[in-house]
Every structure is written in C-alpha cells, then in structure tokens.
Amino acid sequence: MNNSLISLNELPVGSFGKVKRLIADGIARRRMLDLGLIDDTTVESLRKSPAGDPIAYEIRGAVIALRSEEASKILVESIKK
C-alpha cells in the first residue's frame, strides 16, 4: 500500500484514487461531502477540458467536473484497479 497522498488534481487521467482527506472548510467542504467525496470513496480521473481546467471525475457513478482549485483540496491515495 502506498501511503503517500496526492491532491486529486495531480491524479493522472485514466487513474484511480481513494479519498483520504479533505482540506476544505465551510461551504466548499459541505459541497464535496454532498458529492460523495468521503473517506475511501474511489474516484477516477476521466478527462481534462481542452484548456486543462476543469477535469472530469467519476465519483460514485456520476461524472463531476471540478476546477483545479477545488480538486487540490481533496487528498487521495493512488490505487490500481
């Protein structure tokens, strides 16, 4: 098991990560939790927009686009799937 955490926006396209920690506070944290970004949730990085921001992620069966600023506050552990 790899114990090093990376921010979600650093997860390469086509890779999977498990949510381990949220750095956000207040409304931003609440939104992330409402999207299903809780401990051990598996997230797949699907694709980047042509400009590189936002990035589309699959979270619990839904495709969600997050800007790098938001995704940088979600720490994940890269996993093989």
Protein backbone atom coordinates (compact mmCIF):
# COMPACT_ATOMS: atom_id res chain seq x y z
CA MET A 1 0.00 0.00 0.00
CA ASN A 2 1.30 3.42 -0.98
CA ASN A 3 0.92 5.84 1.94
CA SER A 4 1.83 8.99 0.02
CA LEU A 5 -1.12 11.26 -0.65
CA ILE A 6 -1.52 13.50 -3.68
CA SER A 7 -4.12 16.11 -4.43
CA LEU A 8 -6.90 15.00 -6.76
CA ASN A 9 -5.87 17.46 -9.47
CA GLU A 10 -2.46 15.67 -9.66
CA LEU A 11 -4.08 12.28 -10.36
CA PRO A 12 -3.24 11.35 -13.98
CA VAL A 13 -6.11 10.93 -16.45
CA GLY A 14 -7.20 7.28 -16.52
CA SER A 15 -6.01 6.66 -12.95
CA PHE A 16 -7.92 5.85 -9.79
CA GLY A 17 -7.57 7.27 -6.30
CA LYS A 18 -9.18 6.74 -2.91
CA VAL A 19 -10.24 9.81 -0.97
CA LYS A 20 -8.29 10.04 2.27
CA ARG A 21 -8.68 13.65 3.42
CA LEU A 22 -10.47 16.91 2.65
CA ILE A 23 -8.61 20.15 3.35
CA ALA A 24 -11.56 22.44 2.51
CA ASP A 25 -13.69 24.20 5.12
CA GLY A 26 -17.20 25.60 5.26
CA ILE A 27 -19.43 25.54 2.19
CA ALA A 28 -16.72 24.06 -0.05
CA ARG A 29 -16.29 21.11 2.35
CA ARG A 30 -20.05 20.60 2.56
CA ARG A 31 -20.31 20.54 -1.26
CA MET A 32 -17.54 17.95 -1.52
CA LEU A 33 -19.21 15.76 1.07
CA ASP A 34 -22.56 16.14 -0.74
CA LEU A 35 -20.88 14.95 -3.95
CA GLY A 36 -19.91 11.75 -2.13
CA LEU A 37 -16.26 12.58 -1.50
CA ILE A 38 -15.98 10.80 1.83
CA ASP A 39 -13.21 8.54 3.18
CA ASP A 40 -12.31 5.60 0.93
CA THR A 41 -14.50 6.73 -1.98
CA THR A 42 -12.92 5.63 -5.27
CA VAL A 43 -12.52 8.42 -7.83
CA GLU A 44 -11.43 8.02 -11.46
CA SER A 45 -9.85 10.87 -13.38
CA LEU A 46 -11.63 10.75 -16.74
CA ARG A 47 -10.53 13.68 -18.90
CA LYS A 48 -9.31 17.25 -18.92
CA SER A 49 -11.04 20.05 -20.76
CA PRO A 50 -9.16 21.45 -23.78
CA ALA A 51 -7.81 24.26 -21.61
CA GLY A 52 -6.81 21.77 -18.88
CA ASP A 53 -9.26 23.05 -16.26
CA PRO A 54 -11.76 21.74 -15.14
CA ILE A 55 -11.14 17.99 -15.00
CA ALA A 56 -13.94 15.41 -15.18
CA TYR A 57 -14.00 12.71 -12.49
CA GLU A 58 -16.25 9.71 -11.95
CA ILE A 59 -17.45 9.73 -8.35
CA ARG A 60 -19.91 7.06 -7.20
CA GLY A 61 -21.25 6.54 -10.73
CA ALA A 62 -21.66 10.23 -11.58
CA VAL A 63 -19.37 12.33 -13.75
CA ILE A 64 -18.44 15.55 -11.95
CA ALA A 65 -16.23 18.37 -13.25
CA LEU A 66 -14.03 20.04 -10.66
CA ARG A 67 -11.72 23.00 -11.12
CA SER A 68 -8.09 22.51 -10.08
CA GLU A 69 -8.58 24.90 -7.16
CA GLU A 70 -11.33 22.65 -5.73
CA ALA A 71 -9.62 19.35 -6.59
CA SER A 72 -6.38 20.48 -4.92
CA LYS A 73 -8.19 20.38 -1.56
CA ILE A 74 -9.00 16.67 -1.90
CA LEU A 75 -6.17 14.33 -0.95
CA VAL A 76 -6.21 10.85 -2.46
CA GLU A 77 -4.12 7.73 -2.42
CA SER A 78 -3.37 6.48 -5.93
CA ILE A 79 -4.62 2.90 -6.42
CA LYS A 80 -4.51 0.22 -9.10
CA LYS A 81 -7.87 -1.03 -10.30
